[in-house]
């Protein structure tokens, strides 16, 4: 499960890393970002605030692709509600819905056999880390997990749009999860589907409709990762600052000032079997 994550890089870094051309509006029209050399000076200006504690039901930036009327392939960014609301949902009080924040790859494979909708509505969910809680007796130790140097990466996601009776429309997304890798063994049995950079274009390629080829992109991430303990301040969604990703010493009071990292750099054997442990 991925229930909290971070995206603290600058707007410029995110735009550059994911080759974003502009902003999608409600009508799927791409409005070029002024920062990318758009001709229209009144075009939208992408601005993303650093977020160290992204929680379900908030609106998060996602990246998806579209083909314009002129046949041009473009990548755009837009905000979607984290917690998928399927288009067929009949519950008008979405605040009472249990948010579908994660979608298991196994379930997605089953749905792909019946309907191609969820394999067509694919997106990248940018992040630079996520949290998991390791259970030790009655205690839960919060851990910050990501790539070395907190590099940007893309989690595979799906999205949909839901229309209410009054005509308003909400686009929402869900993070796809896969079985954990060796690195997360003993922490949790699932992890977000982190795409390799070379796979990101395929994942959002709207021309790719072969569900088998699409699902092959979803597997445990078997490259170097970092993990260290952080303060229990992350437990509250009201807290949102860089202090949440600052390492603390092993065994220290989780509410004490941060001290040092517990970074792990062991290489992962890509051929080793995935080990699963239910906590």
C-alpha atoms as a PDB file:
ATOM      1  CA  UNK A   1       0.000   0.000   0.000  1.00  0.00           C
ATOM      2  CA  UNK A   2       1.077   3.562  -0.618  1.00  0.00           C
ATOM      3  CA  UNK A   3      -0.877   5.858   1.690  1.00  0.00           C
ATOM      4  CA  UNK A   4       1.387   8.918   1.843  1.00  0.00           C
ATOM      5  CA  UNK A   5       4.055  10.264  -0.458  1.00  0.00           C
ATOM      6  CA  UNK A   6       6.156  13.348  -1.128  1.00  0.00           C
ATOM      7  CA  UNK A   7       6.805  15.711  -4.017  1.00  0.00           C
ATOM      8  CA  UNK A   8       9.137  18.446  -2.882  1.00  0.00           C
ATOM      9  CA  UNK A   9      11.120  19.256  -6.037  1.00  0.00           C
ATOM     10  CA  UNK A  10      10.772  22.620  -7.721  1.00  0.00           C
ATOM     11  CA  UNK A  11       8.228  23.185 -10.449  1.00  0.00           C
ATOM     12  CA  UNK A  12      11.028  23.656 -12.971  1.00  0.00           C
ATOM     13  CA  UNK A  13      12.617  20.339 -12.039  1.00  0.00           C
ATOM     14  CA  UNK A  14       9.304  18.492 -12.378  1.00  0.00           C
ATOM     15  CA  UNK A  15       8.516  20.073 -15.751  1.00  0.00           C
ATOM     16  CA  UNK A  16      11.986  19.244 -17.061  1.00  0.00           C
ATOM     17  CA  UNK A  17      12.124  15.705 -15.667  1.00  0.00           C
ATOM     18  CA  UNK A  18       8.791  14.673 -17.183  1.00  0.00           C
ATOM     19  CA  UNK A  19       9.044  16.725 -20.400  1.00  0.00           C
ATOM     20  CA  UNK A  20       5.765  18.508 -19.690  1.00  0.00           C
ATOM     21  CA  UNK A  21       4.421  20.689 -22.503  1.00  0.00           C
ATOM     22  CA  UNK A  22       1.653  22.448 -20.621  1.00  0.00           C
ATOM     23  CA  UNK A  23      -1.513  22.169 -18.582  1.00  0.00           C
ATOM     24  CA  UNK A  24      -4.624  20.182 -19.541  1.00  0.00           C
ATOM     25  CA  UNK A  25      -7.932  21.928 -18.913  1.00  0.00           C
ATOM     26  CA  UNK A  26     -11.333  20.279 -18.366  1.00  0.00           C
ATOM     27  CA  UNK A  27     -11.846  19.950 -22.114  1.00  0.00           C
ATOM     28  CA  UNK A  28      -8.523  18.147 -22.633  1.00  0.00           C
ATOM     29  CA  UNK A  29      -7.092  21.220 -24.342  1.00  0.00           C
ATOM     30  CA  UNK A  30      -3.407  21.702 -23.641  1.00  0.00           C
ATOM     31  CA  UNK A  31      -2.573  25.222 -22.527  1.00  0.00           C
ATOM     32  CA  UNK A  32       1.193  25.688 -23.037  1.00  0.00           C
ATOM     33  CA  UNK A  33       3.085  26.690 -19.944  1.00  0.00           C
ATOM     34  CA  UNK A  34       4.738  30.097 -20.311  1.00  0.00           C
ATOM     35  CA  UNK A  35       7.922  28.632 -18.957  1.00  0.00           C
ATOM     36  CA  UNK A  36       8.190  26.314 -21.993  1.00  0.00           C
ATOM     37  CA  UNK A  37       8.332  29.138 -24.506  1.00  0.00           C
ATOM     38  CA  UNK A  38       4.617  29.376 -25.278  1.00  0.00           C
ATOM     39  CA  UNK A  39       3.547  31.977 -27.811  1.00  0.00           C
ATOM     40  CA  UNK A  40       0.537  33.053 -25.775  1.00  0.00           C
ATOM     41  CA  UNK A  41       1.728  35.315 -22.953  1.00  0.00           C
ATOM     42  CA  UNK A  42      -1.529  34.759 -21.065  1.00  0.00           C
ATOM     43  CA  UNK A  43      -1.097  30.989 -20.958  1.00  0.00           C
ATOM     44  CA  UNK A  44      -1.246  29.211 -17.600  1.00  0.00           C
ATOM     45  CA  UNK A  45       1.804  29.118 -15.421  1.00  0.00           C
ATOM     46  CA  UNK A  46       2.451  25.769 -13.759  1.00  0.00           C
ATOM     47  CA  UNK A  47       3.152  26.187 -10.067  1.00  0.00           C
ATOM     48  CA  UNK A  48       3.530  23.280  -7.681  1.00  0.00           C
ATOM     49  CA  UNK A  49       4.170  23.836  -4.001  1.00  0.00           C
ATOM     50  CA  UNK A  50       6.509  21.414  -2.206  1.00  0.00           C
ATOM     51  CA  UNK A  51       4.484  18.790  -0.359  1.00  0.00           C
ATOM     52  CA  UNK A  52       6.104  16.515   2.212  1.00  0.00           C
ATOM     53  CA  UNK A  53       2.932  14.756   3.341  1.00  0.00           C
ATOM     54  CA  UNK A  54       0.580  14.084   0.436  1.00  0.00           C
ATOM     55  CA  UNK A  55      -2.521  12.352   1.748  1.00  0.00           C
ATOM     56  CA  UNK A  56      -5.535  10.675   0.111  1.00  0.00           C
ATOM     57  CA  UNK A  57      -8.419  12.826  -1.231  1.00  0.00           C
ATOM     58  CA  UNK A  58      -6.126  15.798  -1.885  1.00  0.00           C
ATOM     59  CA  UNK A  59      -5.592  17.004  -5.446  1.00  0.00           C
ATOM     60  CA  UNK A  60      -2.216  15.928  -6.790  1.00  0.00           C
ATOM     61  CA  UNK A  61      -0.311  16.625 -10.029  1.00  0.00           C
ATOM     62  CA  UNK A  62      -0.396  13.851 -12.615  1.00  0.00           C
ATOM     63  CA  UNK A  63       1.125  13.607 -16.087  1.00  0.00           C
ATOM     64  CA  UNK A  64      -0.698  12.115 -19.055  1.00  0.00           C
ATOM     65  CA  UNK A  65      -0.482  12.230 -22.827  1.00  0.00           C
ATOM     66  CA  UNK A  66      -2.919  13.344 -25.479  1.00  0.00           C
ATOM     67  CA  UNK A  67      -3.009  13.754 -29.239  1.00  0.00           C
ATOM     68  CA  UNK A  68      -4.142  17.173 -30.430  1.00  0.00           C
ATOM     69  CA  UNK A  69      -6.566  17.738 -33.313  1.00  0.00           C
ATOM     70  CA  UNK A  70      -3.517  18.357 -35.458  1.00  0.00           C
ATOM     71  CA  UNK A  71      -2.089  14.960 -34.590  1.00  0.00           C
ATOM     72  CA  UNK A  72       0.625  16.296 -32.282  1.00  0.00           C
ATOM     73  CA  UNK A  73       1.563  14.100 -29.314  1.00  0.00           C
ATOM     74  CA  UNK A  74       1.800  16.191 -26.149  1.00  0.00           C
ATOM     75  CA  UNK A  75       2.364  15.646 -22.448  1.00  0.00           C
ATOM     76  CA  UNK A  76       0.358  17.678 -20.015  1.00  0.00           C
ATOM     77  CA  UNK A  77       0.042  18.015 -16.274  1.00  0.00           C
ATOM     78  CA  UNK A  78      -3.141  18.489 -14.304  1.00  0.00           C
ATOM     79  CA  UNK A  79      -4.407  18.089 -10.769  1.00  0.00           C
ATOM     80  CA  UNK A  80      -6.545  15.090  -9.927  1.00  0.00           C
ATOM     81  CA  UNK A  81      -8.121  13.894  -6.708  1.00  0.00           C
ATOM     82  CA  UNK A  82      -6.077  11.096  -5.178  1.00  0.00           C
ATOM     83  CA  UNK A  83      -8.643   8.378  -4.626  1.00  0.00           C
ATOM     84  CA  UNK A  84     -10.299   7.002  -7.734  1.00  0.00           C
ATOM     85  CA  UNK A  85     -14.002   7.699  -8.289  1.00  0.00           C
ATOM     86  CA  UNK A  86     -15.123   5.328 -11.077  1.00  0.00           C
ATOM     87  CA  UNK A  87     -17.261   6.846 -13.814  1.00  0.00           C
ATOM     88  CA  UNK A  88     -20.097   4.433 -12.931  1.00  0.00           C
ATOM     89  CA  UNK A  89     -20.236   5.515  -9.280  1.00  0.00           C
ATOM     90  CA  UNK A  90     -23.816   6.257  -8.170  1.00  0.00           C
ATOM     91  CA  UNK A  91     -23.004   7.579  -4.709  1.00  0.00           C
ATOM     92  CA  UNK A  92     -23.560  11.326  -4.921  1.00  0.00           C
ATOM     93  CA  UNK A  93     -21.830  12.006  -1.593  1.00  0.00           C
ATOM     94  CA  UNK A  94     -18.234  11.393  -2.555  1.00  0.00           C
ATOM     95  CA  UNK A  95     -17.077  12.438   0.902  1.00  0.00           C
ATOM     96  CA  UNK A  96     -18.582   9.177   2.164  1.00  0.00           C
ATOM     97  CA  UNK A  97     -16.749   7.052  -0.383  1.00  0.00           C
ATOM     98  CA  UNK A  98     -13.799   4.974   0.714  1.00  0.00           C
ATOM     99  CA  UNK A  99     -11.093   6.410  -1.556  1.00  0.00           C
ATOM    100  CA  UNK A 100      -9.524   3.897  -3.926  1.00  0.00           C
ATOM    101  CA  UNK A 101      -6.048   5.307  -3.425  1.00  0.00           C
ATOM    102  CA  UNK A 102      -4.284   2.108  -4.551  1.00  0.00           C
ATOM    103  CA  UNK A 103      -5.089  -0.372  -7.308  1.00  0.00           C
ATOM    104  CA  UNK A 104      -3.483  -3.807  -7.164  1.00  0.00           C
ATOM    105  CA  UNK A 105      -1.845  -4.885 -10.412  1.00  0.00           C
ATOM    106  CA  UNK A 106      -3.493  -8.280 -10.033  1.00  0.00           C
ATOM    107  CA  UNK A 107      -6.951  -6.676  -9.925  1.00  0.00           C
ATOM    108  CA  UNK A 108      -6.075  -4.413 -12.831  1.00  0.00           C
ATOM    109  CA  UNK A 109      -5.145  -7.472 -14.884  1.00  0.00           C
ATOM    110  CA  UNK A 110      -8.560  -9.007 -14.159  1.00  0.00           C
ATOM    111  CA  UNK A 111     -10.355  -5.811 -15.172  1.00  0.00           C
ATOM    112  CA  UNK A 112      -8.292  -5.552 -18.349  1.00  0.00           C
ATOM    113  CA  UNK A 113      -9.772  -8.849 -19.515  1.00  0.00           C
ATOM    114  CA  UNK A 114     -13.308  -7.442 -19.184  1.00  0.00           C
ATOM    115  CA  UNK A 115     -12.810  -3.816 -20.126  1.00  0.00           C
ATOM    116  CA  UNK A 116      -9.974  -1.789 -21.579  1.00  0.00           C
ATOM    117  CA  UNK A 117     -11.063   1.427 -19.867  1.00  0.00           C
ATOM    118  CA  UNK A 118      -8.585   1.262 -17.023  1.00  0.00           C
ATOM    119  CA  UNK A 119      -5.712   0.258 -19.261  1.00  0.00           C
ATOM    120  CA  UNK A 120      -6.478   3.216 -21.543  1.00  0.00           C
ATOM    121  CA  UNK A 121      -6.666   5.785 -18.738  1.00  0.00           C
ATOM    122  CA  UNK A 122      -3.042   5.645 -17.656  1.00  0.00           C
ATOM    123  CA  UNK A 123      -0.973   8.391 -16.047  1.00  0.00           C
ATOM    124  CA  UNK A 124       2.311   9.117 -14.307  1.00  0.00           C
ATOM    125  CA  UNK A 125       2.157  10.258 -10.695  1.00  0.00           C
ATOM    126  CA  UNK A 126       5.383  12.157  -9.943  1.00  0.00           C
ATOM    127  CA  UNK A 127       6.994  11.647  -6.541  1.00  0.00           C
ATOM    128  CA  UNK A 128      10.339  11.845  -4.795  1.00  0.00           C
ATOM    129  CA  UNK A 129       9.517   9.511  -1.912  1.00  0.00           C
ATOM    130  CA  UNK A 130       6.820   7.658  -0.019  1.00  0.00           C
ATOM    131  CA  UNK A 131       6.223   6.505   3.549  1.00  0.00           C
ATOM    132  CA  UNK A 132       5.618   3.130   5.126  1.00  0.00           C
ATOM    133  CA  UNK A 133       5.170   2.185   8.765  1.00  0.00           C
ATOM    134  CA  UNK A 134       7.092  -0.819  10.104  1.00  0.00           C
ATOM    135  CA  UNK A 135       5.211  -2.632  12.832  1.00  0.00           C
ATOM    136  CA  UNK A 136       7.245  -3.614  15.891  1.00  0.00           C
ATOM    137  CA  UNK A 137       4.974  -4.937  18.610  1.00  0.00           C
ATOM    138  CA  UNK A 138       2.600  -2.107  19.460  1.00  0.00           C
ATOM    139  CA  UNK A 139       4.780   0.510  17.794  1.00  0.00           C
ATOM    140  CA  UNK A 140       4.838   1.700  14.219  1.00  0.00           C
ATOM    141  CA  UNK A 141       8.069   3.240  12.973  1.00  0.00           C
ATOM    142  CA  UNK A 142       7.575   5.648  10.052  1.00  0.00           C
ATOM    143  CA  UNK A 143      10.086   5.131   7.252  1.00  0.00           C
ATOM    144  CA  UNK A 144      10.865   7.425   4.330  1.00  0.00           C
ATOM    145  CA  UNK A 145      11.547   5.437   1.163  1.00  0.00           C
ATOM    146  CA  UNK A 146      12.743   6.559  -2.247  1.00  0.00           C
ATOM    147  CA  UNK A 147      15.591   6.572  -4.717  1.00  0.00           C
ATOM    148  CA  UNK A 148      19.149   7.702  -3.888  1.00  0.00           C
ATOM    149  CA  UNK A 149      19.449  11.468  -3.381  1.00  0.00           C
ATOM    150  CA  UNK A 150      15.637  11.658  -3.332  1.00  0.00           C
ATOM    151  CA  UNK A 151      15.541  11.707  -7.119  1.00  0.00           C
ATOM    152  CA  UNK A 152      12.247  12.234  -8.920  1.00  0.00           C
ATOM    153  CA  UNK A 153      10.454   9.133 -10.137  1.00  0.00           C
ATOM    154  CA  UNK A 154       7.087   8.196 -11.614  1.00  0.00           C
ATOM    155  CA  UNK A 155       4.559   5.891 -10.012  1.00  0.00           C
ATOM    156  CA  UNK A 156       2.245   4.174 -12.479  1.00  0.00           C
ATOM    157  CA  UNK A 157      -1.311   5.360 -12.067  1.00  0.00           C
ATOM    158  CA  UNK A 158      -4.762   5.094 -13.568  1.00  0.00           C
ATOM    159  CA  UNK A 159      -7.373   7.835 -13.731  1.00  0.00           C
ATOM    160  CA  UNK A 160     -11.033   8.330 -14.480  1.00  0.00           C
ATOM    161  CA  UNK A 161     -13.590  11.117 -14.578  1.00  0.00           C
ATOM    162  CA  UNK A 162     -16.883  11.223 -12.739  1.00  0.00           C
ATOM    163  CA  UNK A 163     -19.782  13.553 -13.471  1.00  0.00           C
ATOM    164  CA  UNK A 164     -22.279  14.578 -10.828  1.00  0.00           C
ATOM    165  CA  UNK A 165     -25.963  15.223 -11.594  1.00  0.00           C
ATOM    166  CA  UNK A 166     -25.343  18.974 -11.552  1.00  0.00           C
ATOM    167  CA  UNK A 167     -22.881  18.578 -14.417  1.00  0.00           C
ATOM    168  CA  UNK A 168     -19.681  19.162 -12.471  1.00  0.00           C
ATOM    169  CA  UNK A 169     -16.828  16.805 -13.240  1.00  0.00           C
ATOM    170  CA  UNK A 170     -14.059  15.415 -11.041  1.00  0.00           C
ATOM    171  CA  UNK A 171     -10.990  13.651 -12.356  1.00  0.00           C
ATOM    172  CA  UNK A 172      -9.361  11.289  -9.911  1.00  0.00           C
ATOM    173  CA  UNK A 173      -6.452   8.867  -9.843  1.00  0.00           C
ATOM    174  CA  UNK A 174      -5.127   5.781  -8.122  1.00  0.00           C
ATOM    175  CA  UNK A 175      -1.562   4.525  -7.596  1.00  0.00           C
ATOM    176  CA  UNK A 176      -0.932   1.005  -8.854  1.00  0.00           C
ATOM    177  CA  UNK A 177       0.776  -1.323  -6.378  1.00  0.00           C
ATOM    178  CA  UNK A 178       2.802  -4.479  -6.967  1.00  0.00           C
ATOM    179  CA  UNK A 179       4.374  -7.078  -4.623  1.00  0.00           C
ATOM    180  CA  UNK A 180       7.327  -5.695  -2.699  1.00  0.00           C
ATOM    181  CA  UNK A 181      10.968  -6.142  -3.668  1.00  0.00           C
ATOM    182  CA  UNK A 182      13.802  -7.535  -1.554  1.00  0.00           C
ATOM    183  CA  UNK A 183      14.647  -4.113  -0.212  1.00  0.00           C
ATOM    184  CA  UNK A 184      11.222  -3.703   1.412  1.00  0.00           C
ATOM    185  CA  UNK A 185      11.019  -7.253   2.717  1.00  0.00           C
ATOM    186  CA  UNK A 186       9.846  -7.107   6.320  1.00  0.00           C
ATOM    187  CA  UNK A 187       8.494  -3.577   5.977  1.00  0.00           C
ATOM    188  CA  UNK A 188       5.349  -4.122   3.929  1.00  0.00           C
ATOM    189  CA  UNK A 189       4.199  -6.675   1.373  1.00  0.00           C
ATOM    190  CA  UNK A 190       3.209  -4.134  -1.316  1.00  0.00           C
ATOM    191  CA  UNK A 191       4.905  -1.163  -2.941  1.00  0.00           C
ATOM    192  CA  UNK A 192       3.966   1.426  -5.575  1.00  0.00           C
ATOM    193  CA  UNK A 193       4.709   0.435  -9.157  1.00  0.00           C
ATOM    194  CA  UNK A 194       7.737   2.635  -9.834  1.00  0.00           C
ATOM    195  CA  UNK A 195       8.394   2.883 -13.550  1.00  0.00           C
ATOM    196  CA  UNK A 196      11.871   2.935 -14.993  1.00  0.00           C
ATOM    197  CA  UNK A 197      12.483   6.166 -16.963  1.00  0.00           C
ATOM    198  CA  UNK A 198      12.553   4.257 -20.248  1.00  0.00           C
ATOM    199  CA  UNK A 199       9.106   2.814 -19.522  1.00  0.00           C
ATOM    200  CA  UNK A 200       7.329   6.049 -18.692  1.00  0.00           C
ATOM    201  CA  UNK A 201       6.592   6.998 -22.299  1.00  0.00           C
ATOM    202  CA  UNK A 202       5.148   3.546 -22.955  1.00  0.00           C
ATOM    203  CA  UNK A 203       2.942   3.697 -19.895  1.00  0.00           C
ATOM    204  CA  UNK A 204       1.169   6.869 -21.015  1.00  0.00           C
ATOM    205  CA  UNK A 205       1.278   6.084 -24.738  1.00  0.00           C
ATOM    206  CA  UNK A 206      -2.396   6.309 -25.724  1.00  0.00           C
ATOM    207  CA  UNK A 207      -1.659   4.363 -28.895  1.00  0.00           C
ATOM    208  CA  UNK A 208      -0.554   1.340 -26.856  1.00  0.00           C
ATOM    209  CA  UNK A 209      -3.699  -0.716 -26.216  1.00  0.00           C
ATOM    210  CA  UNK A 210      -2.274  -4.211 -25.825  1.00  0.00           C
ATOM    211  CA  UNK A 211      -3.170  -4.989 -22.204  1.00  0.00           C
ATOM    212  CA  UNK A 212      -0.542  -7.741 -21.952  1.00  0.00           C
ATOM    213  CA  UNK A 213       2.227  -5.349 -23.062  1.00  0.00           C
ATOM    214  CA  UNK A 214       0.927  -2.676 -20.714  1.00  0.00           C
ATOM    215  CA  UNK A 215       0.811  -4.963 -17.685  1.00  0.00           C
ATOM    216  CA  UNK A 216       4.365  -6.161 -18.350  1.00  0.00           C
ATOM    217  CA  UNK A 217       5.543  -2.697 -17.356  1.00  0.00           C
ATOM    218  CA  UNK A 218       4.254  -3.226 -13.822  1.00  0.00           C
ATOM    219  CA  UNK A 219       6.639  -5.124 -11.561  1.00  0.00           C
ATOM    220  CA  UNK A 220       8.632  -4.625  -8.342  1.00  0.00           C
ATOM    221  CA  UNK A 221      11.322  -1.956  -8.666  1.00  0.00           C
ATOM    222  CA  UNK A 222      14.641  -3.782  -8.550  1.00  0.00           C
ATOM    223  CA  UNK A 223      17.186  -0.986  -8.507  1.00  0.00           C
ATOM    224  CA  UNK A 224      18.933   0.904  -5.747  1.00  0.00           C
ATOM    225  CA  UNK A 225      16.674   2.540  -3.171  1.00  0.00           C
ATOM    226  CA  UNK A 226      17.047   4.427   0.103  1.00  0.00           C
ATOM    227  CA  UNK A 227      15.142   3.964   3.361  1.00  0.00           C
ATOM    228  CA  UNK A 228      15.508   5.585   6.763  1.00  0.00           C
ATOM    229  CA  UNK A 229      13.455   6.285   9.853  1.00  0.00           C
ATOM    230  CA  UNK A 230      11.732   9.640  10.288  1.00  0.00           C
ATOM    231  CA  UNK A 231       9.768  11.445  12.964  1.00  0.00           C
ATOM    232  CA  UNK A 232       6.230  10.419  13.914  1.00  0.00           C
ATOM    233  CA  UNK A 233       5.245  13.949  12.972  1.00  0.00           C
ATOM    234  CA  UNK A 234       4.390  12.426   9.591  1.00  0.00           C
ATOM    235  CA  UNK A 235       1.501  10.565  11.232  1.00  0.00           C
ATOM    236  CA  UNK A 236      -0.584  13.742  11.169  1.00  0.00           C
ATOM    237  CA  UNK A 237      -1.619  15.152   7.798  1.00  0.00           C
ATOM    238  CA  UNK A 238      -1.586  18.576   9.447  1.00  0.00           C
ATOM    239  CA  UNK A 239       2.219  18.472   9.459  1.00  0.00           C
ATOM    240  CA  UNK A 240       3.904  19.386   6.196  1.00  0.00           C
ATOM    241  CA  UNK A 241       7.523  20.510   6.193  1.00  0.00           C
ATOM    242  CA  UNK A 242      10.993  19.268   5.317  1.00  0.00           C
ATOM    243  CA  UNK A 243      11.330  18.043   8.916  1.00  0.00           C
ATOM    244  CA  UNK A 244       9.181  15.068   7.908  1.00  0.00           C
ATOM    245  CA  UNK A 245      11.870  13.673   5.600  1.00  0.00           C
ATOM    246  CA  UNK A 246      14.813  14.391   7.892  1.00  0.00           C
ATOM    247  CA  UNK A 247      16.378  11.147   9.199  1.00  0.00           C
ATOM    248  CA  UNK A 248      16.476  10.333  12.899  1.00  0.00           C
ATOM    249  CA  UNK A 249      18.891   8.011  14.677  1.00  0.00           C
ATOM    250  CA  UNK A 250      17.970   4.345  14.958  1.00  0.00           C
ATOM    251  CA  UNK A 251      16.176   3.732  18.243  1.00  0.00           C
ATOM    252  CA  UNK A 252      15.905   7.429  19.072  1.00  0.00           C
ATOM    253  CA  UNK A 253      12.712   9.052  20.301  1.00  0.00           C
ATOM    254  CA  UNK A 254      10.744   9.536  17.098  1.00  0.00           C
ATOM    255  CA  UNK A 255       9.626  12.960  18.294  1.00  0.00           C
ATOM    256  CA  UNK A 256      13.161  14.071  19.143  1.00  0.00           C
ATOM    257  CA  UNK A 257      15.188  16.353  16.832  1.00  0.00           C
ATOM    258  CA  UNK A 258      16.576  14.515  13.773  1.00  0.00           C
ATOM    259  CA  UNK A 259      20.109  13.189  14.122  1.00  0.00           C
ATOM    260  CA  UNK A 260      21.475  11.001  11.350  1.00  0.00           C
ATOM    261  CA  UNK A 261      20.525   8.861   8.377  1.00  0.00           C
ATOM    262  CA  UNK A 262      20.090   5.100   8.266  1.00  0.00           C
ATOM    263  CA  UNK A 263      20.582   4.938   4.525  1.00  0.00           C
ATOM    264  CA  UNK A 264      20.914   1.521   2.938  1.00  0.00           C
ATOM    265  CA  UNK A 265      22.639   1.092  -0.393  1.00  0.00           C
ATOM    266  CA  UNK A 266      22.753  -2.689  -0.762  1.00  0.00           C
ATOM    267  CA  UNK A 267      22.393  -3.619  -4.444  1.00  0.00           C
ATOM    268  CA  UNK A 268      19.322  -5.686  -5.273  1.00  0.00           C
ATOM    269  CA  UNK A 269      19.595  -8.906  -7.218  1.00  0.00           C
ATOM    270  CA  UNK A 270      17.038  -8.534 -10.040  1.00  0.00           C
ATOM    271  CA  UNK A 271      16.889 -12.326 -10.444  1.00  0.00           C
ATOM    272  CA  UNK A 272      16.109 -13.039  -6.804  1.00  0.00           C
ATOM    273  CA  UNK A 273      12.556 -14.151  -6.033  1.00  0.00           C
ATOM    274  CA  UNK A 274      10.181 -11.657  -4.484  1.00  0.00           C
ATOM    275  CA  UNK A 275       9.617 -12.399  -0.816  1.00  0.00           C
ATOM    276  CA  UNK A 276       6.295 -11.518   0.737  1.00  0.00           C
ATOM    277  CA  UNK A 277       5.559 -11.124   4.420  1.00  0.00           C
ATOM    278  CA  UNK A 278       2.171 -10.102   5.700  1.00  0.00           C
ATOM    279  CA  UNK A 279       2.357  -7.831   8.718  1.00  0.00           C
END
